[in-house]
N, C-alpha and C. Protein backbone atom coordinates (compact mmCIF):
# COMPACT_ATOMS: atom_id res chain seq x y z
N MET A 1 65.43 184.64 -8.84
CA MET A 1 65.66 183.57 -9.79
C MET A 1 66.81 182.69 -9.27
N ARG A 2 66.60 181.37 -9.39
CA ARG A 2 67.65 180.44 -8.96
C ARG A 2 68.84 180.42 -9.90
N THR A 3 69.98 180.15 -9.35
CA THR A 3 71.20 180.02 -10.19
C THR A 3 71.18 178.62 -10.82
N ALA A 4 72.05 178.43 -11.77
CA ALA A 4 72.15 177.11 -12.42
C ALA A 4 72.48 176.06 -11.40
N ASN A 5 73.40 176.35 -10.52
CA ASN A 5 73.80 175.37 -9.49
C ASN A 5 72.63 175.05 -8.57
N GLN A 6 71.83 176.06 -8.19
CA GLN A 6 70.68 175.81 -7.33
C GLN A 6 69.67 174.91 -8.04
N ARG A 7 69.46 175.16 -9.34
CA ARG A 7 68.55 174.35 -10.08
C ARG A 7 69.01 172.88 -10.18
N ILE A 8 70.31 172.72 -10.41
CA ILE A 8 70.88 171.39 -10.49
C ILE A 8 70.70 170.66 -9.16
N GLN A 9 70.99 171.34 -8.08
CA GLN A 9 70.87 170.74 -6.75
C GLN A 9 69.42 170.38 -6.43
N LYS A 10 68.49 171.23 -6.79
CA LYS A 10 67.08 170.94 -6.58
C LYS A 10 66.63 169.69 -7.38
N TYR A 11 67.10 169.63 -8.61
CA TYR A 11 66.80 168.46 -9.44
C TYR A 11 67.38 167.19 -8.83
N LEU A 12 68.63 167.28 -8.40
CA LEU A 12 69.27 166.10 -7.83
C LEU A 12 68.55 165.66 -6.57
N ALA A 13 68.07 166.60 -5.80
CA ALA A 13 67.33 166.27 -4.57
C ALA A 13 66.02 165.56 -4.90
N ARG A 14 65.38 165.94 -5.98
CA ARG A 14 64.13 165.26 -6.39
C ARG A 14 64.39 163.86 -6.88
N MET A 15 65.56 163.62 -7.39
CA MET A 15 65.89 162.32 -7.98
C MET A 15 66.48 161.33 -6.96
N VAL A 16 66.42 161.68 -5.69
CA VAL A 16 66.92 160.78 -4.66
C VAL A 16 66.10 159.52 -4.67
N SER A 17 66.79 158.39 -4.64
CA SER A 17 66.13 157.09 -4.81
C SER A 17 65.05 156.85 -3.75
N THR A 18 65.24 157.27 -2.53
CA THR A 18 64.28 156.99 -1.48
C THR A 18 62.92 157.64 -1.76
N GLN A 19 62.96 158.72 -2.53
CA GLN A 19 61.72 159.40 -2.86
C GLN A 19 61.02 158.73 -4.08
N LEU A 20 61.79 158.20 -5.02
CA LEU A 20 61.23 157.64 -6.21
C LEU A 20 60.88 156.18 -6.07
N ASP A 21 61.68 155.41 -5.37
CA ASP A 21 61.49 153.96 -5.31
C ASP A 21 60.11 153.53 -4.88
N PRO A 22 59.53 154.08 -3.81
CA PRO A 22 58.17 153.64 -3.44
C PRO A 22 57.11 153.87 -4.54
N THR A 23 57.25 155.01 -5.21
CA THR A 23 56.30 155.32 -6.28
C THR A 23 56.48 154.36 -7.46
N LEU A 24 57.73 154.15 -7.86
CA LEU A 24 58.01 153.24 -8.96
C LEU A 24 57.61 151.80 -8.63
N ALA A 25 57.83 151.36 -7.44
CA ALA A 25 57.50 150.04 -7.03
C ALA A 25 55.99 149.80 -7.08
N SER A 26 55.23 150.79 -6.62
CA SER A 26 53.77 150.61 -6.64
C SER A 26 53.19 150.63 -8.02
N VAL A 27 53.74 151.42 -8.92
CA VAL A 27 53.30 151.48 -10.29
C VAL A 27 53.77 150.29 -11.09
N ASN A 28 54.96 149.79 -10.77
CA ASN A 28 55.54 148.68 -11.53
C ASN A 28 54.67 147.43 -11.45
N ALA A 29 54.15 147.08 -10.30
CA ALA A 29 53.32 145.92 -10.16
C ALA A 29 52.08 146.01 -11.07
N GLN A 30 51.47 147.16 -11.13
CA GLN A 30 50.29 147.37 -11.98
C GLN A 30 50.69 147.29 -13.46
N GLN A 31 51.85 147.86 -13.80
CA GLN A 31 52.31 147.77 -15.20
C GLN A 31 52.53 146.34 -15.63
N LEU A 32 53.14 145.54 -14.79
CA LEU A 32 53.37 144.13 -15.10
C LEU A 32 52.09 143.38 -15.29
N GLU A 33 51.11 143.66 -14.45
CA GLU A 33 49.78 142.99 -14.55
C GLU A 33 49.09 143.43 -15.85
N ASN A 34 49.12 144.72 -16.14
CA ASN A 34 48.49 145.22 -17.38
C ASN A 34 49.13 144.61 -18.61
N PHE A 35 50.45 144.52 -18.64
CA PHE A 35 51.14 143.97 -19.80
C PHE A 35 50.80 142.48 -19.96
N SER A 36 50.74 141.75 -18.88
CA SER A 36 50.40 140.34 -18.95
C SER A 36 48.97 140.16 -19.51
N THR A 37 48.06 140.98 -19.06
CA THR A 37 46.71 140.90 -19.57
C THR A 37 46.63 141.18 -21.07
N TYR A 38 47.39 142.22 -21.47
CA TYR A 38 47.42 142.59 -22.88
C TYR A 38 48.02 141.45 -23.74
N VAL A 39 49.12 140.88 -23.31
CA VAL A 39 49.81 139.88 -24.12
C VAL A 39 48.90 138.64 -24.22
N LEU A 40 48.27 138.22 -23.16
CA LEU A 40 47.40 137.05 -23.21
C LEU A 40 46.18 137.27 -24.11
N ASP A 41 45.79 138.49 -24.31
CA ASP A 41 44.66 138.83 -25.18
C ASP A 41 45.12 139.02 -26.60
N PHE A 42 46.24 139.70 -26.82
CA PHE A 42 46.69 140.05 -28.15
C PHE A 42 47.39 138.91 -28.90
N TYR A 43 48.21 138.16 -28.23
CA TYR A 43 49.04 137.15 -28.85
C TYR A 43 48.25 136.14 -29.69
N PRO A 44 47.17 135.52 -29.16
CA PRO A 44 46.42 134.56 -30.01
C PRO A 44 45.86 135.19 -31.29
N ASN A 45 45.50 136.46 -31.22
CA ASN A 45 44.99 137.17 -32.38
C ASN A 45 46.12 137.40 -33.39
N GLN A 46 47.33 137.67 -32.90
CA GLN A 46 48.46 137.84 -33.76
C GLN A 46 48.82 136.52 -34.47
N VAL A 47 48.73 135.43 -33.75
CA VAL A 47 49.00 134.10 -34.33
C VAL A 47 48.00 133.83 -35.47
N GLN A 48 46.72 134.12 -35.21
CA GLN A 48 45.72 133.92 -36.24
C GLN A 48 45.99 134.77 -37.45
N THR A 49 46.40 136.02 -37.24
CA THR A 49 46.74 136.92 -38.33
C THR A 49 47.89 136.36 -39.14
N ARG A 50 48.90 135.88 -38.47
CA ARG A 50 50.07 135.28 -39.18
C ARG A 50 49.64 134.08 -39.99
N GLU A 51 48.73 133.28 -39.47
CA GLU A 51 48.26 132.11 -40.21
C GLU A 51 47.55 132.52 -41.51
N ILE A 52 46.77 133.59 -41.41
CA ILE A 52 46.09 134.11 -42.61
C ILE A 52 47.12 134.61 -43.64
N LEU A 53 48.13 135.33 -43.15
CA LEU A 53 49.17 135.86 -44.04
C LEU A 53 49.97 134.74 -44.69
N ASP A 54 50.26 133.70 -43.90
CA ASP A 54 50.97 132.53 -44.46
C ASP A 54 50.14 131.82 -45.52
N ALA A 55 48.85 131.65 -45.23
CA ALA A 55 47.96 130.97 -46.17
C ALA A 55 47.81 131.74 -47.48
N ALA A 56 47.94 133.06 -47.39
CA ALA A 56 47.84 133.93 -48.56
C ALA A 56 49.11 133.90 -49.40
N GLY A 57 50.15 133.27 -48.87
CA GLY A 57 51.41 133.16 -49.61
C GLY A 57 52.34 134.37 -49.47
N LEU A 58 52.09 135.20 -48.49
CA LEU A 58 52.94 136.34 -48.27
C LEU A 58 54.29 135.92 -47.66
N GLN A 59 55.31 136.65 -47.97
CA GLN A 59 56.62 136.42 -47.41
C GLN A 59 56.71 137.20 -46.10
N PRO A 60 57.46 136.75 -45.12
CA PRO A 60 57.59 137.45 -43.83
C PRO A 60 57.98 138.94 -44.00
N ILE A 61 58.74 139.26 -45.01
CA ILE A 61 59.12 140.64 -45.21
C ILE A 61 57.93 141.53 -45.56
N GLU A 62 56.85 140.93 -46.03
CA GLU A 62 55.64 141.68 -46.39
C GLU A 62 54.67 141.84 -45.23
N TYR A 63 54.98 141.27 -44.08
CA TYR A 63 54.05 141.28 -42.94
C TYR A 63 53.90 142.65 -42.27
N GLY A 64 54.88 143.52 -42.41
CA GLY A 64 54.89 144.78 -41.65
C GLY A 64 53.62 145.59 -41.65
N GLY A 65 53.14 145.88 -42.85
CA GLY A 65 51.91 146.69 -42.95
C GLY A 65 50.72 145.97 -42.37
N TYR A 66 50.64 144.67 -42.62
CA TYR A 66 49.51 143.89 -42.10
C TYR A 66 49.54 143.77 -40.58
N GLU A 67 50.73 143.66 -40.05
CA GLU A 67 50.87 143.60 -38.59
C GLU A 67 50.46 144.95 -37.96
N ALA A 68 50.85 146.03 -38.59
CA ALA A 68 50.47 147.35 -38.07
C ALA A 68 48.96 147.52 -38.18
N TYR A 69 48.38 147.09 -39.29
CA TYR A 69 46.94 147.13 -39.44
C TYR A 69 46.26 146.32 -38.33
N HIS A 70 46.78 145.14 -38.09
CA HIS A 70 46.22 144.27 -37.06
C HIS A 70 46.27 144.95 -35.69
N GLY A 71 47.40 145.60 -35.41
CA GLY A 71 47.52 146.33 -34.13
C GLY A 71 46.50 147.41 -33.98
N GLU A 72 46.27 148.14 -35.05
CA GLU A 72 45.28 149.22 -35.01
C GLU A 72 43.86 148.64 -34.88
N LEU A 73 43.63 147.54 -35.56
CA LEU A 73 42.33 146.92 -35.47
C LEU A 73 42.05 146.41 -34.07
N TYR A 74 43.04 145.82 -33.46
CA TYR A 74 42.94 145.37 -32.06
C TYR A 74 42.56 146.56 -31.15
N ALA A 75 43.24 147.70 -31.32
CA ALA A 75 42.96 148.86 -30.53
C ALA A 75 41.53 149.34 -30.73
N LEU A 76 41.04 149.28 -31.99
CA LEU A 76 39.66 149.70 -32.26
C LEU A 76 38.67 148.80 -31.50
N THR A 77 38.94 147.48 -31.44
CA THR A 77 38.01 146.59 -30.78
C THR A 77 37.98 146.83 -29.28
N LYS A 78 39.02 147.44 -28.73
CA LYS A 78 39.03 147.76 -27.31
C LYS A 78 38.37 149.07 -27.00
N ARG A 79 38.21 149.93 -27.99
CA ARG A 79 37.62 151.27 -27.78
C ARG A 79 36.18 151.39 -28.27
N PHE A 80 35.80 150.61 -29.27
CA PHE A 80 34.50 150.75 -29.87
C PHE A 80 33.75 149.43 -29.93
N SER A 81 32.46 149.55 -30.16
CA SER A 81 31.63 148.35 -30.40
C SER A 81 30.46 148.78 -31.32
N GLY A 82 29.77 147.78 -31.87
CA GLY A 82 28.60 148.06 -32.67
C GLY A 82 28.87 148.90 -33.90
N ALA A 83 27.95 149.84 -34.12
CA ALA A 83 28.06 150.70 -35.33
C ALA A 83 29.34 151.57 -35.30
N SER A 84 29.74 151.98 -34.15
CA SER A 84 30.97 152.79 -34.04
C SER A 84 32.17 152.00 -34.49
N LEU A 85 32.23 150.74 -34.05
CA LEU A 85 33.35 149.87 -34.46
C LEU A 85 33.32 149.65 -35.96
N GLN A 86 32.12 149.42 -36.49
CA GLN A 86 31.97 149.17 -37.93
C GLN A 86 32.49 150.37 -38.74
N ALA A 87 32.10 151.57 -38.32
CA ALA A 87 32.51 152.77 -39.04
C ALA A 87 34.05 152.98 -38.93
N ALA A 88 34.58 152.77 -37.73
CA ALA A 88 36.01 152.92 -37.56
C ALA A 88 36.77 151.87 -38.35
N TYR A 89 36.23 150.67 -38.41
CA TYR A 89 36.85 149.61 -39.19
C TYR A 89 36.89 149.98 -40.67
N GLU A 90 35.83 150.49 -41.20
CA GLU A 90 35.81 150.87 -42.62
C GLU A 90 36.85 151.96 -42.91
N THR A 91 36.96 152.90 -42.01
CA THR A 91 37.97 153.94 -42.15
C THR A 91 39.36 153.38 -42.13
N LEU A 92 39.58 152.40 -41.23
CA LEU A 92 40.88 151.75 -41.14
C LEU A 92 41.23 151.00 -42.41
N VAL A 93 40.28 150.29 -42.96
CA VAL A 93 40.56 149.55 -44.21
C VAL A 93 40.91 150.55 -45.34
N ALA A 94 40.18 151.63 -45.40
CA ALA A 94 40.47 152.65 -46.42
C ALA A 94 41.85 153.23 -46.20
N LYS A 95 42.21 153.47 -44.96
CA LYS A 95 43.55 154.01 -44.67
C LYS A 95 44.64 153.07 -45.15
N TRP A 96 44.49 151.78 -44.85
CA TRP A 96 45.56 150.84 -45.17
C TRP A 96 45.58 150.49 -46.65
N THR A 97 44.47 150.57 -47.37
CA THR A 97 44.51 150.28 -48.78
C THR A 97 44.95 151.47 -49.59
N ASP A 98 44.59 152.68 -49.18
CA ASP A 98 44.92 153.89 -49.94
C ASP A 98 46.12 154.59 -49.40
N THR A 99 46.01 155.12 -48.19
CA THR A 99 47.01 155.98 -47.61
C THR A 99 48.33 155.23 -47.35
N MET A 100 48.23 154.02 -46.82
CA MET A 100 49.44 153.29 -46.43
C MET A 100 49.97 152.44 -47.59
N HIS A 101 49.34 152.50 -48.72
CA HIS A 101 49.82 151.90 -49.94
C HIS A 101 49.93 150.37 -49.95
N LEU A 102 49.06 149.70 -49.21
CA LEU A 102 49.00 148.24 -49.36
C LEU A 102 48.30 147.89 -50.66
N GLY A 103 47.46 148.81 -51.12
CA GLY A 103 46.79 148.66 -52.38
C GLY A 103 45.47 147.97 -52.31
N ALA A 104 44.69 148.12 -53.38
CA ALA A 104 43.36 147.52 -53.43
C ALA A 104 43.39 146.02 -53.39
N ALA A 105 44.46 145.41 -53.87
CA ALA A 105 44.56 143.95 -53.85
C ALA A 105 44.63 143.45 -52.42
N ALA A 106 45.14 144.25 -51.51
CA ALA A 106 45.28 143.85 -50.10
C ALA A 106 43.97 143.98 -49.35
N GLU A 107 42.99 144.68 -49.89
CA GLU A 107 41.73 144.89 -49.17
C GLU A 107 41.07 143.56 -48.80
N THR A 108 41.08 142.61 -49.65
CA THR A 108 40.49 141.31 -49.39
C THR A 108 41.16 140.65 -48.16
N LEU A 109 42.46 140.74 -48.11
CA LEU A 109 43.21 140.18 -47.00
C LEU A 109 42.96 140.92 -45.68
N LEU A 110 42.88 142.25 -45.79
CA LEU A 110 42.57 143.03 -44.60
C LEU A 110 41.20 142.70 -44.04
N ARG A 111 40.25 142.54 -44.91
CA ARG A 111 38.89 142.21 -44.49
C ARG A 111 38.85 140.78 -43.94
N GLU A 112 39.63 139.87 -44.52
CA GLU A 112 39.69 138.51 -43.97
C GLU A 112 40.23 138.49 -42.55
N ILE A 113 41.27 139.27 -42.30
CA ILE A 113 41.83 139.36 -40.95
C ILE A 113 40.76 139.86 -39.97
N ALA A 114 40.04 140.87 -40.34
CA ALA A 114 39.00 141.42 -39.50
C ALA A 114 37.89 140.44 -39.24
N LEU A 115 37.49 139.72 -40.26
CA LEU A 115 36.38 138.75 -40.15
C LEU A 115 36.80 137.52 -39.34
N VAL A 116 37.92 136.94 -39.65
CA VAL A 116 38.33 135.71 -38.98
C VAL A 116 38.82 135.94 -37.57
N VAL A 117 39.61 136.98 -37.34
CA VAL A 117 40.22 137.20 -36.05
C VAL A 117 39.27 137.94 -35.08
N TYR A 118 38.56 138.95 -35.60
CA TYR A 118 37.72 139.77 -34.72
C TYR A 118 36.23 139.70 -35.04
N HIS A 119 35.85 138.88 -36.01
CA HIS A 119 34.43 138.68 -36.40
C HIS A 119 33.76 140.00 -36.77
N ILE A 120 34.50 140.82 -37.51
CA ILE A 120 33.97 142.09 -38.02
C ILE A 120 33.73 141.92 -39.52
N SER A 121 32.50 142.06 -39.94
CA SER A 121 32.18 141.90 -41.37
C SER A 121 32.10 143.27 -42.01
N PRO A 122 32.23 143.32 -43.35
CA PRO A 122 32.13 144.58 -44.06
C PRO A 122 30.82 145.30 -43.80
N LEU A 123 30.85 146.60 -43.88
CA LEU A 123 29.66 147.44 -43.65
C LEU A 123 28.49 146.99 -44.55
N GLY A 124 27.37 146.83 -43.91
CA GLY A 124 26.14 146.51 -44.65
C GLY A 124 25.91 145.00 -44.80
N THR A 125 26.82 144.18 -44.23
CA THR A 125 26.61 142.73 -44.29
C THR A 125 26.32 142.22 -42.91
N PRO A 126 25.53 141.16 -42.83
CA PRO A 126 25.18 140.66 -41.48
C PRO A 126 26.35 140.00 -40.79
């Protein structure tokens, strides 16, 4: 078994910059590209969501739950399509109206965000 000092020295040897820098540099370029792609895709949808919230007369302090819902809805549109997306969307609306306590009055607004921003209509409608 290694001593505490041996373990520390082994760890320090692994953290030498010359060993990490090439790996970090190669991954960093891809991370920057991925983030740019995400922002260019997500931001316009977020602006549309904010416009809907403003038109509904909500105050900025009330945006939190709706912004989180929008983020989850965005993620669903990246993972699912068709009937799977529709089912996941209905589950998400139920979650945010019941579990997350936005309330039944918010359901109309949640559905409007989905319809206007992502063109997702309620289950059973064309």
